[in-house]
C-alpha atoms as a PDB file:
ATOM      1  CA  UNK A   1     -23.958  24.167  68.374  1.00  0.00           C
ATOM      2  CA  UNK A   2     -21.141  23.353  70.926  1.00  0.00           C
ATOM      3  CA  UNK A   3     -17.761  21.882  70.942  1.00  0.00           C
ATOM      4  CA  UNK A   4     -18.216  21.249  67.225  1.00  0.00           C
ATOM      5  CA  UNK A   5     -15.206  18.326  66.069  1.00  0.00           C
ATOM      6  CA  UNK A   6     -13.802  19.383  62.213  1.00  0.00           C
ATOM      7  CA  UNK A   7     -12.947  16.855  60.310  1.00  0.00           C
ATOM      8  CA  UNK A   8      -9.880  17.976  57.355  1.00  0.00           C
ATOM      9  CA  UNK A   9     -10.514  14.685  54.908  1.00  0.00           C
ATOM     10  CA  UNK A  10     -10.759  13.737  51.429  1.00  0.00           C
ATOM     11  CA  UNK A  11      -7.496  11.450  52.043  1.00  0.00           C
ATOM     12  CA  UNK A  12      -8.773   9.808  50.876  1.00  0.00           C
ATOM     13  CA  UNK A  13     -12.699  10.407  51.072  1.00  0.00           C
ATOM     14  CA  UNK A  14     -13.223   6.464  51.931  1.00  0.00           C
ATOM     15  CA  UNK A  15     -10.802   7.154  54.905  1.00  0.00           C
ATOM     16  CA  UNK A  16     -12.807  10.423  55.725  1.00  0.00           C
ATOM     17  CA  UNK A  17     -15.800   8.170  55.336  1.00  0.00           C
ATOM     18  CA  UNK A  18     -14.382   5.766  57.720  1.00  0.00           C
ATOM     19  CA  UNK A  19     -14.098   7.980  60.216  1.00  0.00           C
ATOM     20  CA  UNK A  20     -17.254   9.623  60.544  1.00  0.00           C
ATOM     21  CA  UNK A  21     -18.692   6.044  60.639  1.00  0.00           C
ATOM     22  CA  UNK A  22     -16.683   5.225  63.781  1.00  0.00           C
ATOM     23  CA  UNK A  23     -17.832   8.660  65.327  1.00  0.00           C
ATOM     24  CA  UNK A  24     -21.138   7.318  65.532  1.00  0.00           C
ATOM     25  CA  UNK A  25     -19.955   4.060  66.441  1.00  0.00           C
ATOM     26  CA  UNK A  26     -17.630   4.947  69.218  1.00  0.00           C
ATOM     27  CA  UNK A  27     -19.655   7.587  70.738  1.00  0.00           C
ATOM     28  CA  UNK A  28     -21.627   6.121  74.033  1.00  0.00           C
ATOM     29  CA  UNK A  29     -25.571   7.571  72.870  1.00  0.00           C
ATOM     30  CA  UNK A  30     -28.968   6.434  72.821  1.00  0.00           C
ATOM     31  CA  UNK A  31     -30.615   9.183  70.961  1.00  0.00           C
ATOM     32  CA  UNK A  32     -29.340  11.611  67.867  1.00  0.00           C
ATOM     33  CA  UNK A  33     -28.950  14.354  70.262  1.00  0.00           C
ATOM     34  CA  UNK A  34     -26.204  12.695  71.974  1.00  0.00           C
ATOM     35  CA  UNK A  35     -24.063  12.302  69.357  1.00  0.00           C
ATOM     36  CA  UNK A  36     -21.137  14.581  68.540  1.00  0.00           C
ATOM     37  CA  UNK A  37     -21.783  18.027  66.410  1.00  0.00           C
ATOM     38  CA  UNK A  38     -19.253  17.666  63.585  1.00  0.00           C
ATOM     39  CA  UNK A  39     -18.152  19.580  60.439  1.00  0.00           C
ATOM     40  CA  UNK A  40     -16.761  17.412  57.808  1.00  0.00           C
ATOM     41  CA  UNK A  41     -14.459  18.800  54.736  1.00  0.00           C
ATOM     42  CA  UNK A  42     -14.019  16.136  51.895  1.00  0.00           C
ATOM     43  CA  UNK A  43     -12.334  17.923  49.329  1.00  0.00           C
ATOM     44  CA  UNK A  44     -10.171  15.459  47.378  1.00  0.00           C
ATOM     45  CA  UNK A  45      -7.958  18.032  45.486  1.00  0.00           C
ATOM     46  CA  UNK A  46      -5.559  18.388  47.926  1.00  0.00           C
ATOM     47  CA  UNK A  47      -2.033  16.968  46.415  1.00  0.00           C
ATOM     48  CA  UNK A  48      -0.786  13.389  47.104  1.00  0.00           C
ATOM     49  CA  UNK A  49       1.520  14.284  50.509  1.00  0.00           C
ATOM     50  CA  UNK A  50       4.142  11.078  49.333  1.00  0.00           C
ATOM     51  CA  UNK A  51       4.391  12.246  45.889  1.00  0.00           C
ATOM     52  CA  UNK A  52       5.069  16.056  47.565  1.00  0.00           C
ATOM     53  CA  UNK A  53       7.686  14.414  50.079  1.00  0.00           C
ATOM     54  CA  UNK A  54       9.355  11.700  48.040  1.00  0.00           C
ATOM     55  CA  UNK A  55       9.113  13.576  44.107  1.00  0.00           C
ATOM     56  CA  UNK A  56       8.729  16.731  44.682  1.00  0.00           C
ATOM     57  CA  UNK A  57       5.222  16.773  43.592  1.00  0.00           C
ATOM     58  CA  UNK A  58       2.969  19.924  44.323  1.00  0.00           C
ATOM     59  CA  UNK A  59       2.533  21.025  48.095  1.00  0.00           C
ATOM     60  CA  UNK A  60      -0.841  20.141  49.658  1.00  0.00           C
ATOM     61  CA  UNK A  61      -0.012  22.507  52.524  1.00  0.00           C
ATOM     62  CA  UNK A  62      -2.111  25.792  50.946  1.00  0.00           C
ATOM     63  CA  UNK A  63      -5.147  23.418  50.451  1.00  0.00           C
ATOM     64  CA  UNK A  64      -4.810  21.615  54.377  1.00  0.00           C
ATOM     65  CA  UNK A  65      -4.339  25.373  55.783  1.00  0.00           C
ATOM     66  CA  UNK A  66      -7.311  26.537  53.421  1.00  0.00           C
ATOM     67  CA  UNK A  67      -9.631  23.734  54.564  1.00  0.00           C
ATOM     68  CA  UNK A  68      -8.552  23.642  58.122  1.00  0.00           C
ATOM     69  CA  UNK A  69      -9.947  27.622  58.385  1.00  0.00           C
ATOM     70  CA  UNK A  70     -12.627  26.834  56.673  1.00  0.00           C
ATOM     71  CA  UNK A  71     -14.084  24.029  58.882  1.00  0.00           C
ATOM     72  CA  UNK A  72     -12.582  26.852  62.287  1.00  0.00           C
ATOM     73  CA  UNK A  73     -15.110  29.436  59.864  1.00  0.00           C
ATOM     74  CA  UNK A  74     -17.663  27.014  60.095  1.00  0.00           C
ATOM     75  CA  UNK A  75     -17.663  26.137  63.816  1.00  0.00           C
ATOM     76  CA  UNK A  76     -15.035  23.766  64.601  1.00  0.00           C
ATOM     77  CA  UNK A  77     -13.440  24.354  67.775  1.00  0.00           C
ATOM     78  CA  UNK A  78     -10.761  20.985  67.493  1.00  0.00           C
ATOM     79  CA  UNK A  79     -10.017  19.739  63.723  1.00  0.00           C
ATOM     80  CA  UNK A  80      -8.530  16.014  63.390  1.00  0.00           C
ATOM     81  CA  UNK A  81      -7.334  14.684  60.312  1.00  0.00           C
ATOM     82  CA  UNK A  82      -7.606  11.376  59.073  1.00  0.00           C
ATOM     83  CA  UNK A  83      -4.632  11.315  57.408  1.00  0.00           C
ATOM     84  CA  UNK A  84      -1.208   9.952  58.648  1.00  0.00           C
ATOM     85  CA  UNK A  85       0.999  11.597  56.001  1.00  0.00           C
ATOM     86  CA  UNK A  86      -0.549  14.961  56.079  1.00  0.00           C
ATOM     87  CA  UNK A  87       0.873  14.809  59.908  1.00  0.00           C
ATOM     88  CA  UNK A  88       4.281  15.796  58.347  1.00  0.00           C
ATOM     89  CA  UNK A  89       2.485  19.411  58.275  1.00  0.00           C
ATOM     90  CA  UNK A  90       0.700  18.983  61.684  1.00  0.00           C
ATOM     91  CA  UNK A  91       3.245  21.310  63.887  1.00  0.00           C
ATOM     92  CA  UNK A  92       2.476  24.397  60.848  1.00  0.00           C
ATOM     93  CA  UNK A  93      -1.200  24.194  61.174  1.00  0.00           C
ATOM     94  CA  UNK A  94      -1.167  23.843  64.497  1.00  0.00           C
ATOM     95  CA  UNK A  95       0.682  27.018  64.365  1.00  0.00           C
ATOM     96  CA  UNK A  96      -1.866  29.013  62.768  1.00  0.00           C
ATOM     97  CA  UNK A  97      -5.633  27.191  63.673  1.00  0.00           C
ATOM     98  CA  UNK A  98      -7.526  28.749  66.187  1.00  0.00           C
ATOM     99  CA  UNK A  99      -9.145  25.880  67.225  1.00  0.00           C
ATOM    100  CA  UNK A 100      -7.706  23.173  69.114  1.00  0.00           C
ATOM    101  CA  UNK A 101      -5.444  20.359  66.733  1.00  0.00           C
ATOM    102  CA  UNK A 102      -5.464  16.297  68.060  1.00  0.00           C
ATOM    103  CA  UNK A 103      -2.460  14.020  66.500  1.00  0.00           C
ATOM    104  CA  UNK A 104      -3.455  10.829  64.686  1.00  0.00           C
ATOM    105  CA  UNK A 105       0.627   9.964  65.919  1.00  0.00           C
ATOM    106  CA  UNK A 106      -0.026  10.800  69.578  1.00  0.00           C
ATOM    107  CA  UNK A 107      -3.331   9.028  69.813  1.00  0.00           C
ATOM    108  CA  UNK A 108      -2.143   6.231  68.074  1.00  0.00           C
ATOM    109  CA  UNK A 109       0.750   5.403  70.268  1.00  0.00           C
ATOM    110  CA  UNK A 110      -0.856   6.366  73.182  1.00  0.00           C
ATOM    111  CA  UNK A 111      -2.990   3.040  72.580  1.00  0.00           C
ATOM    112  CA  UNK A 112      -0.124   0.782  72.214  1.00  0.00           C
ATOM    113  CA  UNK A 113      -1.308  -1.502  75.292  1.00  0.00           C
ATOM    114  CA  UNK A 114       1.867  -1.890  78.328  1.00  0.00           C
ATOM    115  CA  UNK A 115       4.114  -4.212  77.928  1.00  0.00           C
ATOM    116  CA  UNK A 116       4.162  -4.457  74.073  1.00  0.00           C
ATOM    117  CA  UNK A 117       7.622  -3.084  73.094  1.00  0.00           C
ATOM    118  CA  UNK A 118       7.682  -4.637  69.641  1.00  0.00           C
ATOM    119  CA  UNK A 119       5.689  -2.645  66.900  1.00  0.00           C
ATOM    120  CA  UNK A 120       4.946  -3.581  63.079  1.00  0.00           C
ATOM    121  CA  UNK A 121       4.279  -0.541  61.180  1.00  0.00           C
ATOM    122  CA  UNK A 122       2.110   0.029  57.896  1.00  0.00           C
ATOM    123  CA  UNK A 123       2.056   3.256  56.371  1.00  0.00           C
ATOM    124  CA  UNK A 124       3.067   4.749  53.292  1.00  0.00           C
ATOM    125  CA  UNK A 125       6.645   5.156  51.880  1.00  0.00           C
ATOM    126  CA  UNK A 126       6.372   9.201  53.342  1.00  0.00           C
ATOM    127  CA  UNK A 127       5.372   8.367  56.062  1.00  0.00           C
ATOM    128  CA  UNK A 128       8.312   6.069  57.370  1.00  0.00           C
ATOM    129  CA  UNK A 129      10.549   8.164  55.081  1.00  0.00           C
ATOM    130  CA  UNK A 130       9.903  10.901  57.083  1.00  0.00           C
ATOM    131  CA  UNK A 131       9.814   9.222  60.297  1.00  0.00           C
ATOM    132  CA  UNK A 132       6.718  10.668  61.557  1.00  0.00           C
ATOM    133  CA  UNK A 133       5.977   7.615  64.198  1.00  0.00           C
ATOM    134  CA  UNK A 134       9.672   6.940  64.842  1.00  0.00           C
ATOM    135  CA  UNK A 135      10.995   9.246  66.606  1.00  0.00           C
ATOM    136  CA  UNK A 136       7.758   9.259  69.050  1.00  0.00           C
ATOM    137  CA  UNK A 137       8.434   5.360  69.136  1.00  0.00           C
ATOM    138  CA  UNK A 138      12.484   6.003  70.121  1.00  0.00           C
ATOM    139  CA  UNK A 139      11.281   8.490  72.785  1.00  0.00           C
ATOM    140  CA  UNK A 140       8.720   5.951  73.946  1.00  0.00           C
ATOM    141  CA  UNK A 141      11.119   3.011  74.182  1.00  0.00           C
ATOM    142  CA  UNK A 142       9.328   1.286  71.417  1.00  0.00           C
ATOM    143  CA  UNK A 143      11.084  -0.700  69.139  1.00  0.00           C
ATOM    144  CA  UNK A 144       9.353  -0.687  65.455  1.00  0.00           C
ATOM    145  CA  UNK A 145       9.334  -2.865  62.681  1.00  0.00           C
ATOM    146  CA  UNK A 146       8.484  -2.323  59.222  1.00  0.00           C
ATOM    147  CA  UNK A 147       8.218  -3.959  56.157  1.00  0.00           C
ATOM    148  CA  UNK A 148      11.164  -4.574  54.145  1.00  0.00           C
ATOM    149  CA  UNK A 149      11.610  -2.965  50.781  1.00  0.00           C
ATOM    150  CA  UNK A 150      10.350  -5.580  48.472  1.00  0.00           C
ATOM    151  CA  UNK A 151       7.662  -5.823  50.946  1.00  0.00           C
ATOM    152  CA  UNK A 152       7.079  -2.033  51.260  1.00  0.00           C
ATOM    153  CA  UNK A 153       6.476  -1.638  47.466  1.00  0.00           C
ATOM    154  CA  UNK A 154       3.445  -4.393  48.149  1.00  0.00           C
ATOM    155  CA  UNK A 155       2.057  -1.986  51.070  1.00  0.00           C
ATOM    156  CA  UNK A 156       2.017   1.156  48.773  1.00  0.00           C
ATOM    157  CA  UNK A 157       0.367  -1.060  45.917  1.00  0.00           C
ATOM    158  CA  UNK A 158      -2.388  -2.091  48.170  1.00  0.00           C
ATOM    159  CA  UNK A 159      -2.765   1.412  49.491  1.00  0.00           C
ATOM    160  CA  UNK A 160      -3.344   2.947  45.947  1.00  0.00           C
ATOM    161  CA  UNK A 161      -5.563   0.141  44.856  1.00  0.00           C
ATOM    162  CA  UNK A 162      -8.135   0.635  47.843  1.00  0.00           C
ATOM    163  CA  UNK A 163      -8.322   4.203  46.624  1.00  0.00           C
ATOM    164  CA  UNK A 164      -9.070   3.156  43.439  1.00  0.00           C
ATOM    165  CA  UNK A 165     -11.925   0.882  44.860  1.00  0.00           C
ATOM    166  CA  UNK A 166      -9.955  -2.582  44.034  1.00  0.00           C
ATOM    167  CA  UNK A 167     -10.650  -4.220  47.433  1.00  0.00           C
ATOM    168  CA  UNK A 168      -9.288  -7.315  46.989  1.00  0.00           C
ATOM    169  CA  UNK A 169      -6.338  -6.715  44.971  1.00  0.00           C
ATOM    170  CA  UNK A 170      -5.186  -4.551  47.713  1.00  0.00           C
ATOM    171  CA  UNK A 171      -5.918  -7.645  50.539  1.00  0.00           C
ATOM    172  CA  UNK A 172      -4.064  -9.945  48.045  1.00  0.00           C
ATOM    173  CA  UNK A 173      -1.122  -7.559  48.388  1.00  0.00           C
ATOM    174  CA  UNK A 174      -1.479  -6.073  51.962  1.00  0.00           C
ATOM    175  CA  UNK A 175      -2.256  -9.440  54.051  1.00  0.00           C
ATOM    176  CA  UNK A 176       1.168 -11.185  53.236  1.00  0.00           C
ATOM    177  CA  UNK A 177       2.941  -8.337  54.616  1.00  0.00           C
ATOM    178  CA  UNK A 178       1.036  -8.183  57.759  1.00  0.00           C
ATOM    179  CA  UNK A 179       1.883 -12.002  58.384  1.00  0.00           C
ATOM    180  CA  UNK A 180       5.492 -11.240  57.488  1.00  0.00           C
ATOM    181  CA  UNK A 181       5.362  -8.253  60.400  1.00  0.00           C
ATOM    182  CA  UNK A 182       3.972 -11.008  62.935  1.00  0.00           C
ATOM    183  CA  UNK A 183       7.210 -13.630  61.694  1.00  0.00           C
ATOM    184  CA  UNK A 184       9.379 -10.895  62.940  1.00  0.00           C
ATOM    185  CA  UNK A 185       8.060 -10.705  66.141  1.00  0.00           C
ATOM    186  CA  UNK A 186       5.354  -8.019  66.056  1.00  0.00           C
ATOM    187  CA  UNK A 187       3.449  -7.832  69.191  1.00  0.00           C
ATOM    188  CA  UNK A 188       0.920  -5.570  67.588  1.00  0.00           C
ATOM    189  CA  UNK A 189       0.438  -3.711  64.149  1.00  0.00           C
ATOM    190  CA  UNK A 190      -0.114  -0.089  63.705  1.00  0.00           C
ATOM    191  CA  UNK A 191      -2.630   0.740  60.951  1.00  0.00           C
ATOM    192  CA  UNK A 192      -0.433   4.231  60.417  1.00  0.00           C
ATOM    193  CA  UNK A 193      -2.248   4.528  57.097  1.00  0.00           C
ATOM    194  CA  UNK A 194      -5.954   5.146  56.964  1.00  0.00           C
ATOM    195  CA  UNK A 195      -6.849   3.159  54.405  1.00  0.00           C
ATOM    196  CA  UNK A 196      -5.310   0.142  55.780  1.00  0.00           C
ATOM    197  CA  UNK A 197      -8.132   0.001  58.247  1.00  0.00           C
ATOM    198  CA  UNK A 198     -10.526  -0.686  55.487  1.00  0.00           C
ATOM    199  CA  UNK A 199      -8.610  -3.781  53.659  1.00  0.00           C
ATOM    200  CA  UNK A 200      -8.589  -5.004  57.151  1.00  0.00           C
ATOM    201  CA  UNK A 201     -11.626  -4.814  59.239  1.00  0.00           C
ATOM    202  CA  UNK A 202     -13.533  -8.279  59.685  1.00  0.00           C
ATOM    203  CA  UNK A 203     -10.342 -10.235  59.003  1.00  0.00           C
ATOM    204  CA  UNK A 204      -8.336  -9.429  62.053  1.00  0.00           C
ATOM    205  CA  UNK A 205      -8.883 -13.058  63.332  1.00  0.00           C
ATOM    206  CA  UNK A 206      -7.635 -14.903  60.372  1.00  0.00           C
ATOM    207  CA  UNK A 207      -4.464 -12.461  60.595  1.00  0.00           C
ATOM    208  CA  UNK A 208      -3.650 -13.289  63.550  1.00  0.00           C
ATOM    209  CA  UNK A 209      -2.692 -10.378  65.614  1.00  0.00           C
ATOM    210  CA  UNK A 210      -3.860  -7.293  67.412  1.00  0.00           C
ATOM    211  CA  UNK A 211      -3.845  -4.615  64.835  1.00  0.00           C
ATOM    212  CA  UNK A 212      -4.102  -0.770  66.682  1.00  0.00           C
ATOM    213  CA  UNK A 213      -6.499   1.101  64.216  1.00  0.00           C
ATOM    214  CA  UNK A 214      -4.792   4.974  63.876  1.00  0.00           C
ATOM    215  CA  UNK A 215      -8.503   6.375  62.485  1.00  0.00           C
ATOM    216  CA  UNK A 216     -10.385   4.458  66.107  1.00  0.00           C
ATOM    217  CA  UNK A 217      -7.332   5.846  68.074  1.00  0.00           C
ATOM    218  CA  UNK A 218      -7.989   9.512  66.797  1.00  0.00           C
ATOM    219  CA  UNK A 219     -11.567   8.984  66.804  1.00  0.00           C
ATOM    220  CA  UNK A 220     -11.005   7.811  70.622  1.00  0.00           C
ATOM    221  CA  UNK A 221      -8.819  10.818  71.522  1.00  0.00           C
ATOM    222  CA  UNK A 222     -11.273  13.421  69.557  1.00  0.00           C
ATOM    223  CA  UNK A 223     -14.319  11.814  71.957  1.00  0.00           C
ATOM    224  CA  UNK A 224     -12.471  12.471  75.351  1.00  0.00           C
ATOM    225  CA  UNK A 225     -11.672  15.618  73.905  1.00  0.00           C
ATOM    226  CA  UNK A 226     -15.510  16.654  73.351  1.00  0.00           C
ATOM    227  CA  UNK A 227     -16.739  14.510  76.690  1.00  0.00           C
ATOM    228  CA  UNK A 228     -14.225  16.916  78.476  1.00  0.00           C
ATOM    229  CA  UNK A 229     -16.427  19.336  78.544  1.00  0.00           C
ATOM    230  CA  UNK A 230     -19.088  19.469  81.401  1.00  0.00           C
ATOM    231  CA  UNK A 231     -21.927  20.021  79.316  1.00  0.00           C
ATOM    232  CA  UNK A 232     -21.089  17.532  76.993  1.00  0.00           C
ATOM    233  CA  UNK A 233     -21.827  14.272  79.476  1.00  0.00           C
ATOM    234  CA  UNK A 234     -24.363  11.369  78.441  1.00  0.00           C
ATOM    235  CA  UNK A 235     -27.528  12.345  79.615  1.00  0.00           C
ATOM    236  CA  UNK A 236     -30.467   9.837  79.476  1.00  0.00           C
ATOM    237  CA  UNK A 237     -33.388  11.387  77.562  1.00  0.00           C
ATOM    238  CA  UNK A 238     -36.653  12.457  79.971  1.00  0.00           C
ATOM    239  CA  UNK A 239     -38.726  10.356  77.236  1.00  0.00           C
ATOM    240  CA  UNK A 240     -37.559   8.114  74.739  1.00  0.00           C
ATOM    241  CA  UNK A 241     -40.266  10.105  72.440  1.00  0.00           C
ATOM    242  CA  UNK A 242     -37.775  13.062  72.566  1.00  0.00           C
ATOM    243  CA  UNK A 243     -35.076  11.221  70.772  1.00  0.00           C
ATOM    244  CA  UNK A 244     -36.166  11.449  67.068  1.00  0.00           C
END
């Protein structure tokens, strides 16, 4: 099992499942054996990241570190975390990791098209408050457009509605905020919380704009890491009958 990627998930489980599905969709493969070996941790007891950073709630760090090492012990050589807010602890985790780690923040910003300089950002309160995207965006010469305070309240309510399984309510709360970002000049919108792509999927055209899916961006980066190894190049099977 060479060059296995570990998914440190559970934040939340639906976003983790979405990442797993995107690994299958986005990898060019013609049979089972050409897909990427993955080990998934979707243990949902990790404390709420926003509550920790903004309300003094319990820290998720020791849970993240424990499950990181669990994935390494299982054979993961590269770790990805399908949660934007959890990247507040990314540097601390990378400092104790044996495996390589790929940042969802860098992967997402790397997918902003050339010529775009005004970017909308949909994310949790904690992601915005800690400046996770803002600091990196400024370094790239980008201008970020965030929801206004009342609109950000709606975004957070949408995220938590999706987490509890109420997708229709989540969409009714989120979609007006997307339109408002477009009206304020956002050329593209970063879906900087991994629950948001689950709300937007299938509605991109009616929402009238271009989106950058942070989950898909991280998957693309992880696939590039995997395919950088000479022995992981896609090779056609000798006989279709072997692809079972």
